[in-house]
């Protein structure tokens, strides 16, 4: 969670970053204070700390200070927004803010709601998230600014049915579900692709289709493959992948490529730490194209094990680490290699028949 927020702070397209450590452990806030001055702003080359505001509220501080820290952060973000800056605000975590609200409410002897949280929990969360957005600042029609709010929810025991998580999901339109199993498998960022969602897909479609016209189609195909893989996992656990039909093994292989070569990213890798939009699109297009070719080859009699031995699969696995300034020429070479190897396999099958 912390590494994901650090990456957002470093690479988000914002001029000012406000980081709220609400009820965090003292050592976590110390890590932020040590790491942010060492992180370089990729645009200016200066320390990231020069455009970052830290609101430090450790868990041993009074609950009233914890309650105030979130409002302090969003007010500072609004100050920079009104100056015409694009501001990114990270609140880590809103769950501890809600716990402070619960404690203050109890001391005021207010009527408790679900799980002891105050009855106004939902409206307070809504008021906080509603302060995000793009505005035209008063006094100048040309001065536009924005706030993008990223709130980390840490439900006790990973229980998503608890009030803070449920009320947050009713308000926000984007949800990244961090998964402990993915983290244990060393898959970072550990964002579960089937539990996470965005309701802004139609709003950003135009932006992505300027990069690649078939973006929406590729996205739908990728999600469908990952869903099919999840459906097959129960059978795989019982009988193993080798007992599956050829086309189902191809689905598993395609989904594995999406997971390991596209969704998995190295936060500490020099190149893989950030991926430009055009490179993202091209990576997805090549993987989906390879998947379609693999399905077609299997229908024509090619064995899945012959496909998995192709050098092209190794090249696809290395796409993420291709330098961002020369990925276009490298990806063209990969596509030529796929075309050549697949054609060779199909010729071999036709000769045998």
Protein backbone atom coordinates (compact mmCIF):
# COMPACT_ATOMS: atom_id res chain seq x y z
CA UNK A 1 0.00 0.00 0.00
CA UNK A 2 2.74 2.43 0.99
CA UNK A 3 4.87 1.63 -2.10
CA UNK A 4 1.80 2.15 -4.34
CA UNK A 5 1.14 5.55 -2.75
CA UNK A 6 4.84 6.48 -3.15
CA UNK A 7 4.65 5.56 -6.86
CA UNK A 8 1.51 7.66 -7.29
CA UNK A 9 3.20 10.60 -5.59
CA UNK A 10 6.24 10.28 -7.84
CA UNK A 11 4.62 9.62 -11.22
CA UNK A 12 1.13 11.17 -11.06
CA UNK A 13 0.63 14.08 -13.43
CA UNK A 14 0.36 16.60 -10.57
CA UNK A 15 2.42 19.65 -9.66
CA UNK A 16 1.81 19.41 -5.90
CA UNK A 17 1.50 16.29 -3.72
CA UNK A 18 -0.16 16.34 -0.28
CA UNK A 19 0.52 13.18 1.75
CA UNK A 20 -1.55 12.67 4.92
CA UNK A 21 -0.25 10.07 7.37
CA UNK A 22 -3.42 9.70 9.46
CA UNK A 23 -2.86 7.47 12.49
CA UNK A 24 0.20 5.89 10.88
CA UNK A 25 2.91 4.12 12.86
CA UNK A 26 5.80 6.42 13.72
CA UNK A 27 8.33 4.33 11.77
CA UNK A 28 6.18 4.49 8.59
CA UNK A 29 6.06 8.29 8.70
CA UNK A 30 9.82 8.33 9.39
CA UNK A 31 10.32 6.18 6.26
CA UNK A 32 8.31 8.70 4.22
CA UNK A 33 10.37 11.60 5.61
CA UNK A 34 13.59 9.76 4.74
CA UNK A 35 12.57 8.41 1.32
CA UNK A 36 10.78 11.38 -0.26
CA UNK A 37 13.85 13.69 -0.17
CA UNK A 38 15.81 10.89 -1.88
CA UNK A 39 13.18 10.30 -4.58
CA UNK A 40 13.82 12.38 -7.69
CA UNK A 41 10.98 14.21 -9.38
CA UNK A 42 11.12 12.67 -12.90
CA UNK A 43 10.12 16.00 -14.49
CA UNK A 44 12.43 18.48 -12.76
CA UNK A 45 15.16 16.14 -11.49
CA UNK A 46 14.94 17.80 -8.07
CA UNK A 47 14.01 15.97 -4.82
CA UNK A 48 10.33 15.02 -4.76
CA UNK A 49 10.07 16.64 -1.32
CA UNK A 50 10.24 20.09 -2.96
CA UNK A 51 6.69 19.71 -4.27
CA UNK A 52 5.33 17.58 -1.42
CA UNK A 53 3.43 18.59 1.72
CA UNK A 54 3.47 16.02 4.54
CA UNK A 55 0.80 15.97 7.25
CA UNK A 56 2.30 13.69 9.90
CA UNK A 57 -0.13 12.30 12.46
CA UNK A 58 1.25 9.23 14.21
CA UNK A 59 -0.89 6.71 16.06
CA UNK A 60 0.27 7.92 19.50
CA UNK A 61 -1.08 11.45 18.89
CA UNK A 62 -4.48 12.56 20.28
CA UNK A 63 -7.59 11.42 18.36
CA UNK A 64 -8.67 15.05 17.86
CA UNK A 65 -5.39 15.70 15.99
CA UNK A 66 -6.08 12.63 13.82
CA UNK A 67 -9.54 13.96 12.99
CA UNK A 68 -8.06 17.38 12.13
CA UNK A 69 -5.19 16.00 10.00
CA UNK A 70 -7.46 14.95 7.11
CA UNK A 71 -9.20 18.33 7.02
CA UNK A 72 -5.83 20.11 7.20
CA UNK A 73 -4.56 18.11 4.22
CA UNK A 74 -7.59 18.70 1.99
CA UNK A 75 -7.63 22.44 2.89
CA UNK A 76 -3.94 22.78 1.88
CA UNK A 77 -4.72 20.91 -1.35
CA UNK A 78 -7.58 23.33 -2.06
CA UNK A 79 -5.22 26.27 -1.45
CA UNK A 80 -2.87 25.05 -4.20
CA UNK A 81 -5.79 24.09 -6.45
CA UNK A 82 -7.12 27.66 -6.23
CA UNK A 83 -3.68 28.90 -7.29
CA UNK A 84 -4.13 26.91 -10.51
CA UNK A 85 -2.11 23.79 -9.67
CA UNK A 86 -3.06 20.16 -10.25
CA UNK A 87 -2.83 18.57 -6.81
CA UNK A 88 -2.71 14.90 -5.79
CA UNK A 89 -3.76 14.07 -2.23
CA UNK A 90 -2.97 10.70 -0.58
CA UNK A 91 -4.82 9.97 2.67
CA UNK A 92 -3.32 6.98 4.49
CA UNK A 93 -5.63 5.87 5.96
CA UNK A 94 -9.26 6.97 6.10
CA UNK A 95 -10.06 3.93 8.29
CA UNK A 96 -7.96 5.37 11.15
CA UNK A 97 -9.64 8.74 10.62
CA UNK A 98 -13.03 7.03 11.00
CA UNK A 99 -11.80 5.30 14.18
CA UNK A 100 -10.89 8.72 15.60
CA UNK A 101 -14.38 9.94 14.70
CA UNK A 102 -15.85 6.93 16.54
CA UNK A 103 -13.80 7.65 19.66
CA UNK A 104 -14.69 11.37 19.70
CA UNK A 105 -18.37 10.52 19.13
CA UNK A 106 -18.29 8.08 22.06
CA UNK A 107 -16.77 10.68 24.36
CA UNK A 108 -19.48 13.17 23.31
CA UNK A 109 -22.07 10.48 24.19
CA UNK A 110 -23.64 10.61 20.74
CA UNK A 111 -25.97 7.84 19.55
CA UNK A 112 -23.76 5.16 17.92
CA UNK A 113 -24.47 3.69 14.50
CA UNK A 114 -23.21 0.48 12.92
CA UNK A 115 -20.23 -1.10 14.77
CA UNK A 116 -20.09 1.91 17.10
CA UNK A 117 -19.25 4.42 14.33
CA UNK A 118 -21.21 7.70 14.49
CA UNK A 119 -24.42 7.90 12.46
CA UNK A 120 -22.87 10.71 10.36
CA UNK A 121 -19.90 8.57 9.19
CA UNK A 122 -21.23 8.28 5.60
CA UNK A 123 -21.88 12.02 5.25
CA UNK A 124 -18.40 12.92 6.64
CA UNK A 125 -16.71 10.57 4.16
CA UNK A 126 -18.85 11.99 1.32
CA UNK A 127 -17.99 15.57 2.31
CA UNK A 128 -14.28 14.69 2.18
CA UNK A 129 -14.32 12.96 -1.24
CA UNK A 130 -16.65 15.58 -2.76
CA UNK A 131 -13.92 18.19 -2.31
CA UNK A 132 -11.98 16.51 -5.14
CA UNK A 133 -12.38 17.62 -8.77
CA UNK A 134 -11.42 20.24 -11.34
CA UNK A 135 -12.42 23.87 -10.86
CA UNK A 136 -12.14 27.26 -12.54
CA UNK A 137 -10.73 29.46 -9.76
CA UNK A 138 -12.60 32.59 -8.71
CA UNK A 139 -11.10 35.83 -9.99
CA UNK A 140 -9.73 34.41 -13.23
CA UNK A 141 -11.52 32.37 -15.89
CA UNK A 142 -8.17 31.16 -17.23
CA UNK A 143 -6.93 29.74 -13.89
CA UNK A 144 -7.90 26.08 -13.60
CA UNK A 145 -6.82 23.70 -10.86
CA UNK A 146 -7.69 20.23 -9.66
CA UNK A 147 -7.53 17.84 -6.70
CA UNK A 148 -7.28 14.08 -7.14
CA UNK A 149 -7.96 12.26 -3.87
CA UNK A 150 -6.59 8.78 -3.19
CA UNK A 151 -7.82 7.42 0.12
CA UNK A 152 -6.38 4.20 1.53
CA UNK A 153 -8.92 2.10 3.42
CA UNK A 154 -7.46 -0.55 5.76
CA UNK A 155 -10.39 -2.59 7.11
CA UNK A 156 -9.62 -4.75 10.19
CA UNK A 157 -8.85 -8.31 9.08
CA UNK A 158 -9.45 -7.37 5.44
CA UNK A 159 -13.23 -7.35 6.03
CA UNK A 160 -14.75 -5.34 3.16
CA UNK A 161 -18.24 -5.53 4.70
CA UNK A 162 -17.32 -3.15 7.55
CA UNK A 163 -18.89 0.37 7.52
CA UNK A 164 -15.88 2.45 6.41
CA UNK A 165 -15.16 0.26 3.35
CA UNK A 166 -18.84 0.00 2.40
CA UNK A 167 -19.54 3.74 2.74
CA UNK A 168 -16.37 4.59 0.80
CA UNK A 169 -17.38 2.24 -2.04
CA UNK A 170 -20.76 3.98 -2.27
CA UNK A 171 -19.05 7.34 -2.82
CA UNK A 172 -15.93 6.71 -4.93
CA UNK A 173 -15.97 5.59 -8.55
CA UNK A 174 -12.58 3.85 -8.63
CA UNK A 175 -11.56 1.01 -6.34
CA UNK A 176 -8.20 -0.78 -6.24
CA UNK A 177 -8.53 -3.96 -4.16
CA UNK A 178 -5.15 -4.89 -2.69
CA UNK A 179 -4.85 -8.64 -2.28
CA UNK A 180 -2.71 -10.36 0.38
CA UNK A 181 -2.34 -13.54 -1.74
CA UNK A 182 -0.86 -11.52 -4.62
CA UNK A 183 1.58 -9.82 -2.24
CA UNK A 184 2.60 -13.26 -0.86
CA UNK A 185 3.27 -14.39 -4.46
CA UNK A 186 5.48 -11.31 -4.94
CA UNK A 187 3.08 -9.81 -7.50
CA UNK A 188 3.36 -6.02 -7.24
CA UNK A 189 1.37 -3.86 -7.37
CA UNK A 190 -0.87 -6.35 -5.52
CA UNK A 191 -4.06 -4.94 -7.08
CA UNK A 192 -6.63 -7.69 -7.74
CA UNK A 193 -7.78 -7.27 -11.36
CA UNK A 194 -11.23 -8.85 -10.87
CA UNK A 195 -12.24 -7.16 -7.60
CA UNK A 196 -11.02 -3.71 -8.67
CA UNK A 197 -13.13 -1.49 -10.91
CA UNK A 198 -13.49 1.96 -12.44
CA UNK A 199 -16.71 3.76 -13.35
CA UNK A 200 -14.76 6.31 -15.39
CA UNK A 201 -14.13 3.95 -18.33
CA UNK A 202 -16.52 5.80 -20.66
CA UNK A 203 -15.07 9.17 -19.60
CA UNK A 204 -11.48 8.19 -20.42
CA UNK A 205 -12.32 6.17 -23.55
CA UNK A 206 -11.69 9.19 -25.82
CA UNK A 207 -8.23 9.78 -24.31
CA UNK A 208 -7.16 6.14 -24.76
CA UNK A 209 -8.66 5.86 -28.25
CA UNK A 210 -6.42 8.76 -29.35
CA UNK A 211 -3.50 6.48 -28.41
CA UNK A 212 -5.02 3.31 -29.91
CA UNK A 213 -8.43 3.06 -31.62
CA UNK A 214 -9.10 -0.50 -30.45
CA UNK A 215 -8.23 0.21 -26.78
CA UNK A 216 -11.72 -0.64 -25.46
CA UNK A 217 -11.80 -3.93 -27.40
CA UNK A 218 -8.35 -4.96 -26.11
CA UNK A 219 -9.31 -4.09 -22.54
CA UNK A 220 -12.50 -6.19 -22.75
CA UNK A 221 -10.57 -9.15 -24.19
CA UNK A 222 -7.94 -8.96 -21.45
CA UNK A 223 -10.57 -8.85 -18.68
CA UNK A 224 -12.44 -11.77 -20.29
CA UNK A 225 -9.23 -13.87 -20.37
CA UNK A 226 -8.48 -13.12 -16.71
CA UNK A 227 -12.06 -14.02 -15.75
CA UNK A 228 -11.87 -17.32 -17.68
CA UNK A 229 -8.59 -18.12 -15.92
CA UNK A 230 -10.26 -17.55 -12.52
CA UNK A 231 -13.11 -19.90 -13.55
CA UNK A 232 -10.60 -22.61 -14.57
CA UNK A 233 -8.49 -22.37 -11.40
CA UNK A 234 -10.82 -24.66 -9.40
CA UNK A 235 -10.45 -27.42 -12.02
CA UNK A 236 -6.67 -26.87 -12.19
CA UNK A 237 -6.40 -27.34 -8.40
CA UNK A 238 -8.18 -30.71 -8.70
CA UNK A 239 -6.66 -32.28 -11.82
CA UNK A 240 -3.68 -30.08 -12.72
CA UNK A 241 -3.20 -27.98 -15.90
CA UNK A 242 -1.94 -30.91 -18.02
CA UNK A 243 -5.36 -32.63 -17.85
CA UNK A 244 -7.14 -29.66 -19.47
CA UNK A 245 -7.99 -29.49 -23.19
CA UNK A 246 -5.54 -27.62 -25.44
CA UNK A 247 -7.67 -24.46 -25.84
CA UNK A 248 -8.16 -24.14 -22.05
CA UNK A 249 -4.41 -24.49 -21.49
CA UNK A 250 -3.99 -21.70 -24.05
CA UNK A 251 -6.38 -19.52 -22.02
CA UNK A 252 -4.27 -20.14 -18.88
CA UNK A 253 -1.10 -19.29 -20.81
CA UNK A 254 -2.61 -16.06 -22.20
CA UNK A 255 -3.80 -15.00 -18.73
CA UNK A 256 -0.36 -15.78 -17.27
CA UNK A 257 1.25 -13.51 -19.87
CA UNK A 258 -1.20 -10.72 -18.98
CA UNK A 259 -0.50 -11.11 -15.27
CA UNK A 260 3.27 -11.44 -15.39
CA UNK A 261 4.22 -9.39 -18.46
CA UNK A 262 1.62 -6.60 -18.28
CA UNK A 263 -0.02 -6.22 -14.84
CA UNK A 264 3.09 -6.98 -12.76
CA UNK A 265 5.45 -4.03 -12.37
CA UNK A 266 8.74 -3.45 -10.59
CA UNK A 267 8.56 -0.28 -8.46
CA UNK A 268 12.33 -0.32 -7.95
CA UNK A 269 13.30 -1.18 -11.56
CA UNK A 270 14.87 1.70 -13.47
CA UNK A 271 12.59 1.28 -16.53
CA UNK A 272 9.61 -0.74 -15.29
CA UNK A 273 8.86 1.75 -12.50
CA UNK A 274 6.92 3.89 -15.01
CA UNK A 275 5.23 2.98 -18.28
CA UNK A 276 4.09 5.65 -20.81
CA UNK A 277 0.54 5.34 -22.16
CA UNK A 278 1.63 4.44 -25.71
CA UNK A 279 3.91 1.67 -24.43
CA UNK A 280 1.09 0.30 -22.24
CA UNK A 281 -1.23 0.13 -25.23
CA UNK A 282 1.38 -1.53 -27.47
CA UNK A 283 2.23 -4.12 -24.80
CA UNK A 284 -1.43 -5.04 -24.37
CA UNK A 285 -1.99 -5.15 -28.14
CA UNK A 286 0.96 -7.52 -28.70
CA UNK A 287 -0.11 -9.86 -25.86
CA UNK A 288 -3.74 -10.04 -27.08
CA UNK A 289 -2.55 -10.52 -30.68
CA UNK A 290 -0.27 -13.38 -29.58
CA UNK A 291 -3.18 -14.91 -27.62
CA UNK A 292 -5.46 -14.76 -30.70
CA UNK A 293 -2.73 -16.34 -32.87
CA UNK A 294 -2.18 -19.06 -30.24
CA UNK A 295 -5.93 -19.93 -30.17
CA UNK A 296 -6.03 -20.01 -33.97
CA UNK A 297 -2.91 -22.24 -34.17
CA UNK A 298 -4.39 -24.72 -31.64
CA UNK A 299 -7.59 -24.97 -33.73
CA UNK A 300 -5.38 -25.89 -36.69
CA UNK A 301 -3.63 -28.69 -34.76
CA UNK A 302 -0.56 -27.03 -33.18
CA UNK A 303 0.28 -28.38 -29.69
CA UNK A 304 0.35 -25.88 -26.80
CA UNK A 305 3.78 -27.12 -25.66
CA UNK A 306 5.28 -26.22 -29.04
CA UNK A 307 3.93 -22.68 -28.65
CA UNK A 308 5.28 -22.25 -25.09
CA UNK A 309 8.79 -23.09 -26.35
CA UNK A 310 8.82 -20.16 -28.80
CA UNK A 311 11.46 -17.46 -28.28
CA UNK A 312 8.73 -14.88 -28.86
CA UNK A 313 7.26 -15.67 -25.45
CA UNK A 314 10.56 -14.74 -23.80
CA UNK A 315 10.62 -11.49 -25.80
CA UNK A 316 7.05 -10.68 -24.65
CA UNK A 317 8.08 -11.30 -21.03
CA UNK A 318 10.90 -8.73 -21.43
CA UNK A 319 8.74 -5.99 -23.01
CA UNK A 320 8.24 -4.11 -19.73
CA UNK A 321 11.99 -3.59 -19.31
CA UNK A 322 12.58 -2.25 -22.85
CA UNK A 323 13.73 1.40 -22.46
CA UNK A 324 10.86 3.85 -22.91
CA UNK A 325 12.71 5.89 -25.54
CA UNK A 326 13.15 3.00 -27.99
CA UNK A 327 10.27 0.61 -27.31
CA UNK A 328 8.60 1.19 -30.72
CA UNK A 329 11.47 -0.26 -32.78
CA UNK A 330 11.97 -3.14 -30.30
CA UNK A 331 8.26 -4.02 -30.32
CA UNK A 332 8.28 -4.13 -34.14
CA UNK A 333 11.09 -6.71 -33.95
CA UNK A 334 9.05 -8.75 -31.43
CA UNK A 335 6.01 -8.69 -33.74
CA UNK A 336 8.11 -9.82 -36.72
CA UNK A 337 9.48 -12.66 -34.57
CA UNK A 338 5.95 -13.74 -33.56
CA UNK A 339 4.81 -13.70 -37.22
CA UNK A 340 7.81 -15.75 -38.35
CA UNK A 341 7.62 -18.38 -35.58
CA UNK A 342 3.84 -18.81 -35.78
CA UNK A 343 3.95 -19.18 -39.59
CA UNK A 344 6.70 -21.81 -39.20
CA UNK A 345 4.58 -23.79 -36.70
CA UNK A 346 1.52 -23.69 -38.96
CA UNK A 347 3.59 -24.79 -41.99
CA UNK A 348 4.90 -27.73 -39.95
CA UNK A 349 1.34 -28.83 -39.07
CA UNK A 350 0.10 -28.51 -42.67
CA UNK A 351 3.07 -30.57 -43.93
CA UNK A 352 2.34 -33.32 -41.41
CA UNK A 353 -1.32 -33.46 -42.44
